[in-house]
Amino acid sequence: MTYYIVGLGNPGREYENTRHNTGRVVLDAFRRAEGLPEWIFNKKLNALVSSGRIKSFNLNLILPQTFMNKSGDTLKQIKDLRFKVQGKGKEKRTEAVNLVVVHDDLDIPFGSYKISFNKSSGGHRGVESIIKVLQTTAFVRVRVGISPVTTKGLVKKPSGEVAVEKHILGKFSPDQLVALKKLSRHISDGLSCLITEGREKAMSQYHS
């Protein structure tokens, strides 16, 4: 099976190392950790793509070159996403079985992450765009925390649209980039487990 792992963010140098580009940073770290090829621009997908293998699994790592709120446009062009029906009756959903989306998350403190499945967008516009295209929330997400924390370690989310935008588009400090690089190594192990050993094991063993 071929997996599609999508790192969300905005293209362009002005957005490099911003919190909203965390998904791109983490996915590039995974690419390097697995020794996968350099990014190549794919015109059809309007995305940077790195293709390779882990064990018997094919991988396509994807960095959409659209802005965040148009992230779903790239997925429209992927013809071999696999779907299956899970659940019954009103709970029935179509699961995208070979899709993983990596992105920043304001509900999680900086330095932590969670592997989640079948969750709402939480207001994340890139995830909202993908949900709108796929018509389902049933796919795996690696949610990487970007919220500041109090001295007691509690999440201190920015309040109000202006404050949120300022925070997510702000750049990481050098020390934060070092911490994110360290966290990315752990996330890379989780992604490898997800691909080779399945969603349930990865969700139970990999988080921080």
N, C-alpha and C. Protein backbone atom coordinates (compact mmCIF):
# COMPACT_ATOMS: atom_id res chain seq x y z
N MET A 1 0.85 -1.19 0.00
CA MET A 1 0.00 0.00 0.00
C MET A 1 0.89 1.25 0.00
N THR A 2 0.44 2.28 -0.68
CA THR A 2 1.14 3.56 -0.71
C THR A 2 0.51 4.51 0.29
N TYR A 3 1.33 5.06 1.17
CA TYR A 3 0.87 6.06 2.13
C TYR A 3 1.17 7.45 1.61
N TYR A 4 0.24 8.36 1.88
CA TYR A 4 0.42 9.78 1.58
C TYR A 4 0.50 10.52 2.91
N ILE A 5 1.63 11.14 3.16
CA ILE A 5 1.82 11.88 4.41
C ILE A 5 1.99 13.36 4.04
N VAL A 6 1.07 14.17 4.52
CA VAL A 6 0.98 15.57 4.11
C VAL A 6 1.40 16.48 5.27
N GLY A 7 2.36 17.35 5.03
CA GLY A 7 2.78 18.33 6.03
C GLY A 7 2.20 19.69 5.70
N LEU A 8 1.38 20.22 6.59
CA LEU A 8 0.67 21.47 6.31
C LEU A 8 1.50 22.70 6.67
N GLY A 9 1.29 23.76 5.90
CA GLY A 9 1.97 25.02 6.13
C GLY A 9 1.74 25.96 4.97
N ASN A 10 2.44 27.07 4.99
CA ASN A 10 2.37 28.05 3.91
C ASN A 10 3.69 28.06 3.14
N PRO A 11 3.65 28.19 1.81
CA PRO A 11 4.88 28.24 1.03
C PRO A 11 5.53 29.62 1.11
N GLY A 12 6.82 29.65 0.80
CA GLY A 12 7.52 30.93 0.74
C GLY A 12 8.44 31.16 1.93
N ARG A 13 9.54 31.88 1.68
CA ARG A 13 10.55 32.10 2.71
C ARG A 13 10.01 32.86 3.91
N GLU A 14 9.06 33.77 3.68
CA GLU A 14 8.57 34.58 4.80
C GLU A 14 7.87 33.73 5.86
N TYR A 15 7.44 32.51 5.47
CA TYR A 15 6.74 31.65 6.43
C TYR A 15 7.64 30.55 7.01
N GLU A 16 8.90 30.52 6.61
CA GLU A 16 9.80 29.49 7.13
C GLU A 16 9.96 29.66 8.64
N ASN A 17 9.91 28.52 9.34
CA ASN A 17 10.10 28.47 10.80
C ASN A 17 9.02 29.21 11.57
N THR A 18 7.87 29.45 10.95
CA THR A 18 6.72 29.97 11.70
C THR A 18 5.98 28.79 12.33
N ARG A 19 5.23 29.07 13.38
CA ARG A 19 4.52 28.00 14.09
C ARG A 19 3.50 27.30 13.18
N HIS A 20 2.89 28.05 12.28
CA HIS A 20 1.88 27.47 11.39
C HIS A 20 2.51 26.51 10.37
N ASN A 21 3.83 26.54 10.24
CA ASN A 21 4.53 25.65 9.32
C ASN A 21 5.14 24.44 10.03
N THR A 22 4.70 24.19 11.24
CA THR A 22 5.23 23.08 12.02
C THR A 22 5.10 21.75 11.28
N GLY A 23 3.98 21.54 10.61
CA GLY A 23 3.78 20.29 9.87
C GLY A 23 4.83 20.07 8.80
N ARG A 24 5.21 21.14 8.12
CA ARG A 24 6.24 21.06 7.09
C ARG A 24 7.61 20.76 7.71
N VAL A 25 7.90 21.42 8.83
CA VAL A 25 9.19 21.21 9.51
C VAL A 25 9.32 19.76 9.96
N VAL A 26 8.27 19.25 10.59
CA VAL A 26 8.29 17.88 11.11
C VAL A 26 8.39 16.85 9.99
N LEU A 27 7.66 17.08 8.91
CA LEU A 27 7.69 16.11 7.81
C LEU A 27 9.06 16.11 7.12
N ASP A 28 9.69 17.26 7.02
CA ASP A 28 11.03 17.29 6.44
C ASP A 28 12.03 16.57 7.34
N ALA A 29 11.84 16.67 8.65
CA ALA A 29 12.70 15.94 9.58
C ALA A 29 12.52 14.44 9.41
N PHE A 30 11.27 14.00 9.20
CA PHE A 30 11.00 12.59 8.95
C PHE A 30 11.66 12.12 7.65
N ARG A 31 11.57 12.95 6.63
CA ARG A 31 12.21 12.62 5.35
C ARG A 31 13.70 12.39 5.54
N ARG A 32 14.33 13.27 6.26
CA ARG A 32 15.77 13.16 6.50
C ARG A 32 16.10 11.93 7.34
N ALA A 33 15.28 11.68 8.37
CA ALA A 33 15.53 10.54 9.26
C ALA A 33 15.46 9.22 8.51
N GLU A 34 14.57 9.14 7.52
CA GLU A 34 14.39 7.90 6.76
C GLU A 34 15.25 7.85 5.50
N GLY A 35 16.04 8.90 5.27
CA GLY A 35 16.90 8.93 4.10
C GLY A 35 16.15 8.95 2.78
N LEU A 36 15.00 9.61 2.78
CA LEU A 36 14.18 9.69 1.56
C LEU A 36 14.70 10.83 0.67
N PRO A 37 14.35 10.80 -0.62
CA PRO A 37 14.92 11.77 -1.58
C PRO A 37 14.57 13.22 -1.27
N GLU A 38 15.33 14.12 -1.87
CA GLU A 38 15.05 15.54 -1.76
C GLU A 38 13.68 15.85 -2.37
N TRP A 39 13.12 16.98 -1.97
CA TRP A 39 11.83 17.40 -2.48
C TRP A 39 11.91 17.76 -3.96
N ILE A 40 10.88 17.34 -4.71
CA ILE A 40 10.76 17.69 -6.13
C ILE A 40 9.36 18.28 -6.35
N PHE A 41 9.29 19.37 -7.08
CA PHE A 41 7.99 19.99 -7.33
C PHE A 41 7.18 19.16 -8.31
N ASN A 42 5.94 18.85 -7.92
CA ASN A 42 4.99 18.13 -8.77
C ASN A 42 3.92 19.12 -9.22
N LYS A 43 3.93 19.45 -10.52
CA LYS A 43 3.03 20.47 -11.04
C LYS A 43 1.57 20.07 -10.90
N LYS A 44 1.26 18.81 -11.15
CA LYS A 44 -0.13 18.35 -11.07
C LYS A 44 -0.69 18.53 -9.67
N LEU A 45 0.10 18.18 -8.67
CA LEU A 45 -0.35 18.29 -7.28
C LEU A 45 -0.16 19.70 -6.72
N ASN A 46 0.65 20.51 -7.43
CA ASN A 46 1.06 21.80 -6.90
C ASN A 46 1.64 21.61 -5.49
N ALA A 47 2.63 20.73 -5.42
CA ALA A 47 3.21 20.36 -4.13
C ALA A 47 4.64 19.88 -4.31
N LEU A 48 5.41 20.00 -3.25
CA LEU A 48 6.72 19.35 -3.20
C LEU A 48 6.51 17.92 -2.74
N VAL A 49 7.18 16.98 -3.41
CA VAL A 49 6.95 15.56 -3.15
C VAL A 49 8.29 14.85 -2.97
N SER A 50 8.33 13.94 -2.00
CA SER A 50 9.47 13.03 -1.83
C SER A 50 8.90 11.63 -1.74
N SER A 51 9.31 10.75 -2.64
CA SER A 51 8.76 9.40 -2.71
C SER A 51 9.83 8.37 -2.38
N GLY A 52 9.45 7.34 -1.64
CA GLY A 52 10.39 6.29 -1.28
C GLY A 52 9.68 5.12 -0.62
N ARG A 53 10.44 4.34 0.14
CA ARG A 53 9.88 3.15 0.78
C ARG A 53 10.39 3.03 2.21
N ILE A 54 9.53 2.48 3.07
CA ILE A 54 9.93 2.00 4.39
C ILE A 54 9.48 0.54 4.45
N LYS A 55 10.46 -0.35 4.54
CA LYS A 55 10.17 -1.79 4.47
C LYS A 55 9.40 -2.06 3.19
N SER A 56 8.18 -2.65 3.30
CA SER A 56 7.44 -3.00 2.09
C SER A 56 6.41 -1.95 1.71
N PHE A 57 6.47 -0.78 2.35
CA PHE A 57 5.45 0.24 2.14
C PHE A 57 6.00 1.40 1.29
N ASN A 58 5.22 1.79 0.30
CA ASN A 58 5.55 2.95 -0.51
C ASN A 58 5.07 4.22 0.19
N LEU A 59 5.86 5.28 0.06
CA LEU A 59 5.51 6.54 0.70
C LEU A 59 5.58 7.68 -0.29
N ASN A 60 4.63 8.58 -0.18
CA ASN A 60 4.71 9.87 -0.85
C ASN A 60 4.55 10.95 0.21
N LEU A 61 5.63 11.65 0.51
CA LEU A 61 5.56 12.78 1.42
C LEU A 61 5.21 14.02 0.60
N ILE A 62 4.29 14.81 1.11
CA ILE A 62 3.74 15.92 0.32
C ILE A 62 3.70 17.21 1.13
N LEU A 63 4.25 18.27 0.55
CA LEU A 63 4.13 19.62 1.11
C LEU A 63 3.35 20.47 0.11
N PRO A 64 2.05 20.69 0.34
CA PRO A 64 1.27 21.50 -0.59
C PRO A 64 1.88 22.89 -0.76
N GLN A 65 1.87 23.39 -1.98
CA GLN A 65 2.39 24.73 -2.26
C GLN A 65 1.28 25.76 -2.36
N THR A 66 0.09 25.37 -1.96
CA THR A 66 -1.00 26.31 -1.78
C THR A 66 -0.85 26.96 -0.41
N PHE A 67 -1.61 27.99 -0.15
CA PHE A 67 -1.66 28.50 1.21
C PHE A 67 -2.54 27.58 2.04
N MET A 68 -2.42 27.73 3.36
CA MET A 68 -3.00 26.77 4.30
C MET A 68 -4.47 26.47 4.03
N ASN A 69 -5.27 27.51 3.81
CA ASN A 69 -6.71 27.28 3.69
C ASN A 69 -7.12 26.64 2.37
N LYS A 70 -6.15 26.35 1.51
CA LYS A 70 -6.41 25.65 0.24
C LYS A 70 -5.70 24.29 0.21
N SER A 71 -5.31 23.78 1.34
CA SER A 71 -4.54 22.54 1.40
C SER A 71 -5.27 21.37 0.73
N GLY A 72 -6.58 21.35 0.82
CA GLY A 72 -7.34 20.27 0.22
C GLY A 72 -7.24 20.18 -1.29
N ASP A 73 -6.86 21.30 -1.94
CA ASP A 73 -6.76 21.30 -3.40
C ASP A 73 -5.76 20.26 -3.89
N THR A 74 -4.66 20.08 -3.13
CA THR A 74 -3.67 19.08 -3.51
C THR A 74 -4.24 17.68 -3.42
N LEU A 75 -5.03 17.42 -2.40
CA LEU A 75 -5.59 16.07 -2.23
C LEU A 75 -6.61 15.72 -3.30
N LYS A 76 -7.23 16.76 -3.89
CA LYS A 76 -8.17 16.50 -4.99
C LYS A 76 -7.49 15.79 -6.15
N GLN A 77 -6.18 16.03 -6.29
CA GLN A 77 -5.45 15.51 -7.45
C GLN A 77 -4.85 14.13 -7.20
N ILE A 78 -4.95 13.61 -5.98
CA ILE A 78 -4.40 12.30 -5.67
C ILE A 78 -5.47 11.25 -5.95
N LYS A 79 -5.22 10.42 -6.97
CA LYS A 79 -6.26 9.50 -7.44
C LYS A 79 -6.26 8.15 -6.72
N ASP A 80 -5.18 7.83 -5.99
CA ASP A 80 -5.17 6.51 -5.35
C ASP A 80 -5.20 6.58 -3.82
N LEU A 81 -5.87 7.62 -3.29
CA LEU A 81 -6.22 7.55 -1.88
C LEU A 81 -7.21 6.40 -1.70
N ARG A 82 -7.01 5.61 -0.67
CA ARG A 82 -7.88 4.45 -0.44
C ARG A 82 -8.91 4.77 0.63
N PHE A 83 -10.13 4.31 0.38
CA PHE A 83 -11.22 4.56 1.33
C PHE A 83 -11.92 3.25 1.68
N LYS A 84 -12.42 3.19 2.90
CA LYS A 84 -13.29 2.07 3.28
C LYS A 84 -14.35 2.59 4.23
N VAL A 85 -15.48 1.90 4.26
CA VAL A 85 -16.58 2.31 5.12
C VAL A 85 -16.36 1.70 6.50
N GLN A 86 -16.46 2.52 7.52
CA GLN A 86 -16.36 2.03 8.89
C GLN A 86 -17.61 2.46 9.66
N GLY A 87 -18.06 1.64 10.59
CA GLY A 87 -19.24 1.95 11.38
C GLY A 87 -20.53 1.59 10.65
N LYS A 88 -21.66 1.87 11.31
CA LYS A 88 -22.97 1.55 10.76
C LYS A 88 -23.94 2.70 10.99
N GLY A 89 -24.99 2.72 10.20
CA GLY A 89 -26.06 3.70 10.37
C GLY A 89 -25.55 5.12 10.34
N LYS A 90 -26.02 5.93 11.30
CA LYS A 90 -25.65 7.34 11.34
C LYS A 90 -24.17 7.53 11.65
N GLU A 91 -23.55 6.50 12.25
CA GLU A 91 -22.14 6.61 12.62
C GLU A 91 -21.22 6.21 11.46
N LYS A 92 -21.80 5.81 10.35
CA LYS A 92 -21.00 5.33 9.22
C LYS A 92 -20.18 6.47 8.62
N ARG A 93 -18.88 6.21 8.41
CA ARG A 93 -18.01 7.19 7.80
C ARG A 93 -17.11 6.49 6.79
N THR A 94 -16.62 7.25 5.85
CA THR A 94 -15.68 6.71 4.88
C THR A 94 -14.27 7.06 5.34
N GLU A 95 -13.51 6.04 5.65
CA GLU A 95 -12.16 6.25 6.19
C GLU A 95 -11.13 6.33 5.07
N ALA A 96 -10.28 7.34 5.13
CA ALA A 96 -9.13 7.45 4.22
C ALA A 96 -7.98 6.66 4.86
N VAL A 97 -7.78 5.44 4.40
CA VAL A 97 -6.92 4.51 5.12
C VAL A 97 -5.43 4.76 4.91
N ASN A 98 -5.05 5.47 3.85
CA ASN A 98 -3.62 5.64 3.58
C ASN A 98 -3.20 7.11 3.57
N LEU A 99 -3.91 7.91 4.38
CA LEU A 99 -3.59 9.33 4.48
C LEU A 99 -3.21 9.69 5.91
N VAL A 100 -2.13 10.46 6.05
CA VAL A 100 -1.70 11.00 7.34
C VAL A 100 -1.44 12.49 7.14
N VAL A 101 -1.99 13.32 8.01
CA VAL A 101 -1.80 14.76 7.92
C VAL A 101 -1.07 15.25 9.17
N VAL A 102 0.03 15.96 8.97
CA VAL A 102 0.85 16.48 10.07
C VAL A 102 0.66 17.99 10.13
N HIS A 103 0.31 18.52 11.31
CA HIS A 103 0.03 19.95 11.38
C HIS A 103 0.21 20.49 12.80
N ASP A 104 0.28 21.80 12.90
CA ASP A 104 0.35 22.49 14.18
C ASP A 104 -1.00 22.44 14.87
N ASP A 105 -0.99 22.55 16.21
CA ASP A 105 -2.25 22.47 16.95
C ASP A 105 -2.19 23.37 18.18
N LEU A 106 -3.14 24.31 18.26
CA LEU A 106 -3.20 25.25 19.38
C LEU A 106 -3.78 24.64 20.65
N ASP A 107 -4.36 23.46 20.57
CA ASP A 107 -4.93 22.82 21.76
C ASP A 107 -3.89 22.00 22.52
N ILE A 108 -2.68 21.93 21.98
CA ILE A 108 -1.61 21.13 22.58
C ILE A 108 -0.43 22.04 22.89
N PRO A 109 0.19 21.89 24.07
CA PRO A 109 1.32 22.76 24.42
C PRO A 109 2.54 22.50 23.56
N PHE A 110 3.32 23.52 23.34
CA PHE A 110 4.57 23.36 22.60
C PHE A 110 5.44 22.32 23.31
N GLY A 111 6.03 21.44 22.51
CA GLY A 111 6.86 20.37 23.05
C GLY A 111 6.13 19.04 23.18
N SER A 112 4.84 19.04 22.86
CA SER A 112 4.05 17.81 22.93
C SER A 112 3.37 17.55 21.59
N TYR A 113 2.90 16.33 21.40
CA TYR A 113 2.16 15.98 20.19
C TYR A 113 1.25 14.80 20.46
N LYS A 114 0.27 14.61 19.59
CA LYS A 114 -0.64 13.47 19.67
C LYS A 114 -0.90 12.93 18.27
N ILE A 115 -1.05 11.63 18.18
CA ILE A 115 -1.51 10.99 16.95
C ILE A 115 -2.99 10.71 17.15
N SER A 116 -3.83 11.29 16.32
CA SER A 116 -5.28 11.20 16.49
C SER A 116 -5.95 10.66 15.23
N PHE A 117 -7.17 10.16 15.41
CA PHE A 117 -7.95 9.65 14.28
C PHE A 117 -9.39 10.09 14.43
N ASN A 118 -9.98 10.50 13.31
CA ASN A 118 -11.41 10.81 13.25
C ASN A 118 -11.81 11.92 14.21
N LYS A 119 -11.04 13.01 14.19
CA LYS A 119 -11.32 14.16 15.03
C LYS A 119 -11.77 15.34 14.16
N SER A 120 -12.47 16.30 14.78
CA SER A 120 -12.86 17.51 14.06
C SER A 120 -11.62 18.36 13.78
N SER A 121 -11.80 19.39 12.98
CA SER A 121 -10.66 20.23 12.59
C SER A 121 -10.12 21.05 13.73
N GLY A 122 -10.93 21.30 14.76
CA GLY A 122 -10.51 22.15 15.86
C GLY A 122 -10.26 23.59 15.43
N GLY A 123 -10.85 23.96 14.29
CA GLY A 123 -10.68 25.32 13.78
C GLY A 123 -9.45 25.51 12.91
N HIS A 124 -8.69 24.44 12.68
CA HIS A 124 -7.49 24.54 11.84
C HIS A 124 -7.92 24.60 10.37
N ARG A 125 -7.57 25.69 9.70
CA ARG A 125 -8.10 25.92 8.35
C ARG A 125 -7.55 24.94 7.32
N GLY A 126 -6.31 24.51 7.50
CA GLY A 126 -5.77 23.50 6.58
C GLY A 126 -6.49 22.18 6.70
N VAL A 127 -6.76 21.77 7.93
CA VAL A 127 -7.50 20.53 8.17
C VAL A 127 -8.94 20.67 7.68
N GLU A 128 -9.54 21.83 7.92
CA GLU A 128 -10.90 22.08 7.43
C GLU A 128 -10.97 21.91 5.92
N SER A 129 -9.97 22.42 5.21
CA SER A 129 -9.94 22.32 3.75
C SER A 129 -9.88 20.86 3.31
N ILE A 130 -9.09 20.05 4.00
CA ILE A 130 -8.97 18.63 3.66
C ILE A 130 -10.26 17.90 3.95
N ILE A 131 -10.87 18.18 5.10
CA ILE A 131 -12.14 17.54 5.46
C ILE A 131 -13.21 17.87 4.41
N LYS A 132 -13.23 19.11 3.96
CA LYS A 132 -14.21 19.52 2.95
C LYS A 132 -14.03 18.75 1.65
N VAL A 133 -12.79 18.52 1.24
CA VAL A 133 -12.51 17.79 0.01
C VAL A 133 -12.84 16.31 0.15
N LEU A 134 -12.43 15.71 1.27
CA LEU A 134 -12.62 14.26 1.46
C LEU A 134 -14.03 13.91 1.93
N GLN A 135 -14.74 14.90 2.48
CA GLN A 135 -16.07 14.68 3.04
C GLN A 135 -16.04 13.67 4.19
N THR A 136 -14.96 13.70 4.95
CA THR A 136 -14.84 12.83 6.13
C THR A 136 -13.76 13.38 7.05
N THR A 137 -13.92 13.08 8.34
CA THR A 137 -12.87 13.38 9.31
C THR A 137 -12.07 12.13 9.64
N ALA A 138 -12.40 11.01 9.01
CA ALA A 138 -11.81 9.71 9.36
C ALA A 138 -10.47 9.50 8.66
N PHE A 139 -9.47 10.21 9.16
CA PHE A 139 -8.10 10.00 8.71
C PHE A 139 -7.17 10.32 9.88
N VAL A 140 -5.94 9.87 9.77
CA VAL A 140 -4.97 10.05 10.86
C VAL A 140 -4.34 11.43 10.80
N ARG A 141 -4.20 12.04 11.96
CA ARG A 141 -3.52 13.33 12.06
C ARG A 141 -2.44 13.26 13.13
N VAL A 142 -1.30 13.85 12.83
CA VAL A 142 -0.25 14.04 13.83
C VAL A 142 -0.32 15.51 14.23
N ARG A 143 -0.79 15.77 15.43
CA ARG A 143 -1.06 17.12 15.91
C ARG A 143 0.09 17.57 16.80
N VAL A 144 0.82 18.56 16.33
CA VAL A 144 2.03 19.00 17.03
C VAL A 144 1.75 20.33 17.74
N GLY A 145 1.95 20.34 19.04
CA GLY A 145 1.56 21.49 19.84
C GLY A 145 2.38 22.75 19.58
N ILE A 146 1.69 23.89 19.57
CA ILE A 146 2.38 25.17 19.40
C ILE A 146 1.94 26.20 20.43
N SER A 147 1.07 25.81 21.38
CA SER A 147 0.58 26.79 22.34
C SER A 147 1.61 27.06 23.43
N PRO A 148 1.69 28.32 23.88
CA PRO A 148 2.56 28.61 25.03
C PRO A 148 2.01 27.95 26.28
N VAL A 149 2.86 27.79 27.27
CA VAL A 149 2.44 27.17 28.53
C VAL A 149 2.77 28.09 29.70
N THR A 150 2.01 27.96 30.76
CA THR A 150 2.27 28.72 31.98
C THR A 150 3.44 28.08 32.74
N THR A 151 3.86 28.73 33.81
CA THR A 151 4.94 28.19 34.64
C THR A 151 4.54 26.85 35.27
N LYS A 152 3.22 26.60 35.33
CA LYS A 152 2.73 25.34 35.88
C LYS A 152 2.52 24.29 34.79
N GLY A 153 2.91 24.64 33.55
CA GLY A 153 2.82 23.68 32.47
C GLY A 153 1.45 23.57 31.83
N LEU A 154 0.57 24.54 32.10
CA LEU A 154 -0.78 24.53 31.53
C LEU A 154 -0.79 25.28 30.20
N VAL A 155 -1.66 24.83 29.30
CA VAL A 155 -1.79 25.49 27.99
C VAL A 155 -2.36 26.90 28.18
N LYS A 156 -1.73 27.85 27.53
CA LYS A 156 -2.19 29.24 27.57
C LYS A 156 -2.44 29.70 26.14
N LYS A 157 -3.58 29.28 25.58
CA LYS A 157 -3.91 29.61 24.20
C LYS A 157 -4.14 31.10 24.03
N PRO A 158 -3.65 31.67 22.93
CA PRO A 158 -3.98 33.07 22.64
C PRO A 158 -5.48 33.21 22.43
N SER A 159 -6.02 34.36 22.83
CA SER A 159 -7.45 34.58 22.76
C SER A 159 -7.78 35.67 21.74
N GLY A 160 -8.73 35.36 20.85
CA GLY A 160 -9.14 36.32 19.84
C GLY A 160 -8.41 36.09 18.52
N GLU A 161 -9.10 36.42 17.44
CA GLU A 161 -8.58 36.13 16.10
C GLU A 161 -7.24 36.80 15.83
N VAL A 162 -7.10 38.05 16.25
CA VAL A 162 -5.86 38.79 16.00
C VAL A 162 -4.69 38.15 16.75
N ALA A 163 -4.92 37.81 18.01
CA ALA A 163 -3.87 37.19 18.83
C ALA A 163 -3.49 35.82 18.30
N VAL A 164 -4.49 35.06 17.87
CA VAL A 164 -4.22 33.73 17.32
C VAL A 164 -3.37 33.84 16.06
N GLU A 165 -3.76 34.73 15.15
CA GLU A 165 -3.02 34.89 13.90
C GLU A 165 -1.58 35.35 14.16
N LYS A 166 -1.43 36.27 15.10
CA LYS A 166 -0.09 36.75 15.43
C LYS A 166 0.78 35.61 15.96
N HIS A 167 0.18 34.75 16.77
CA HIS A 167 0.94 33.64 17.36
C HIS A 167 1.32 32.60 16.32
N ILE A 168 0.34 32.16 15.53
CA ILE A 168 0.63 31.05 14.60
C ILE A 168 1.57 31.48 13.48
N LEU A 169 1.54 32.77 13.12
CA LEU A 169 2.42 33.26 12.07
C LEU A 169 3.75 33.80 12.61
N GLY A 170 3.89 33.76 13.93
CA GLY A 170 5.16 34.15 14.54
C GLY A 170 6.20 33.07 14.37
N LYS A 171 7.46 33.46 14.41
CA LYS A 171 8.55 32.50 14.21
C LYS A 171 9.00 31.89 15.53
N PHE A 172 9.45 30.65 15.46
CA PHE A 172 10.05 30.00 16.60
C PHE A 172 11.37 30.70 16.96
N SER A 173 11.68 30.74 18.24
CA SER A 173 12.98 31.23 18.67
C SER A 173 14.03 30.15 18.37
N PRO A 174 15.31 30.49 18.36
CA PRO A 174 16.35 29.47 18.14
C PRO A 174 16.25 28.31 19.12
N ASP A 175 15.98 28.60 20.40
CA ASP A 175 15.85 27.53 21.39
C ASP A 175 14.64 26.64 21.10
N GLN A 176 13.56 27.25 20.64
CA GLN A 176 12.37 26.47 20.30
C GLN A 176 12.61 25.58 19.09
N LEU A 177 13.39 26.08 18.13
CA LEU A 177 13.72 25.27 16.96
C LEU A 177 14.54 24.04 17.36
N VAL A 178 15.43 24.22 18.31
CA VAL A 178 16.21 23.08 18.82
C VAL A 178 15.27 22.06 19.48
N ALA A 179 14.33 22.57 20.29
CA ALA A 179 13.37 21.68 20.96
C ALA A 179 12.47 20.97 19.94
N LEU A 180 12.06 21.70 18.90
CA LEU A 180 11.21 21.09 17.88
C LEU A 180 11.97 20.02 17.11
N LYS A 181 13.24 20.25 16.85
CA LYS A 181 14.06 19.25 16.17
C LYS A 181 14.15 17.97 16.99
N LYS A 182 14.32 18.13 18.30
CA LYS A 182 14.38 16.97 19.20
C LYS A 182 13.04 16.24 19.21
N LEU A 183 11.94 16.99 19.29
CA LEU A 183 10.61 16.37 19.27
C LEU A 183 10.36 15.67 17.94
N SER A 184 10.85 16.25 16.85
CA SER A 184 10.63 15.68 15.52
C SER A 184 11.23 14.28 15.41
N ARG A 185 12.31 14.02 16.11
CA ARG A 185 12.90 12.68 16.08
C ARG A 185 11.95 11.66 16.69
N HIS A 186 11.28 12.05 17.76
CA HIS A 186 10.30 11.15 18.40
C HIS A 186 9.09 10.96 17.50
N ILE A 187 8.64 12.06 16.88
CA ILE A 187 7.50 11.96 15.96
C ILE A 187 7.85 11.07 14.77
N SER A 188 9.08 11.17 14.27
CA SER A 188 9.52 10.34 13.14
C SER A 188 9.41 8.86 13.49
N ASP A 189 9.80 8.51 14.72
CA ASP A 189 9.65 7.12 15.15
C ASP A 189 8.18 6.72 15.16
N GLY A 190 7.32 7.65 15.60
CA GLY A 190 5.89 7.37 15.62
C GLY A 190 5.32 7.18 14.23
N LEU A 191 5.76 8.00 13.28
CA LEU A 191 5.30 7.85 11.91
C LEU A 191 5.75 6.52 11.32
N SER A 192 6.97 6.12 11.60
CA SER A 192 7.46 4.82 11.11
C SER A 192 6.63 3.68 11.68
N CYS A 193 6.30 3.77 12.97
CA CYS A 193 5.45 2.76 13.60
C CYS A 193 4.06 2.75 12.98
N LEU A 194 3.52 3.93 12.75
CA LEU A 194 2.18 4.05 12.15
C LEU A 194 2.12 3.34 10.80
N ILE A 195 3.15 3.54 10.00
CA ILE A 195 3.17 2.96 8.66
C ILE A 195 3.39 1.45 8.70
N THR A 196 4.32 1.01 9.52
CA THR A 196 4.73 -0.40 9.49
C THR A 196 3.94 -1.30 10.43
N GLU A 197 3.39 -0.70 11.52
CA GLU A 197 2.73 -1.55 12.53
C GLU A 197 1.28 -1.16 12.81
N GLY A 198 0.82 -0.08 12.19
CA GLY A 198 -0.60 0.24 12.29
C GLY A 198 -0.94 1.39 13.21
N ARG A 199 -2.12 1.93 12.99
CA ARG A 199 -2.59 3.12 13.68
C ARG A 199 -2.72 2.93 15.19
N GLU A 200 -3.32 1.84 15.61
CA GLU A 200 -3.60 1.64 17.03
C GLU A 200 -2.32 1.60 17.86
N LYS A 201 -1.33 0.88 17.37
CA LYS A 201 -0.06 0.79 18.12
C LYS A 201 0.62 2.15 18.19
N ALA A 202 0.63 2.86 17.06
CA ALA A 202 1.26 4.18 17.05
C ALA A 202 0.56 5.14 17.99
N MET A 203 -0.76 5.12 18.01
CA MET A 203 -1.53 6.04 18.86
C MET A 203 -1.31 5.72 20.34
N SER A 204 -1.13 4.45 20.68
CA SER A 204 -0.97 4.07 22.08
C SER A 204 0.46 4.29 22.59
N GLN A 205 1.44 4.20 21.71
CA GLN A 205 2.83 4.24 22.16
C GLN A 205 3.54 5.57 21.89
N TYR A 206 3.04 6.34 20.93
CA TYR A 206 3.76 7.54 20.53
C TYR A 206 2.93 8.79 20.77
N HIS A 207 3.31 9.55 21.78
CA HIS A 207 2.73 10.85 22.11
C HIS A 207 3.61 11.45 23.20
N SER A 208 3.44 12.71 23.44
CA SER A 208 4.21 13.32 24.52
C SER A 208 3.49 14.57 25.02
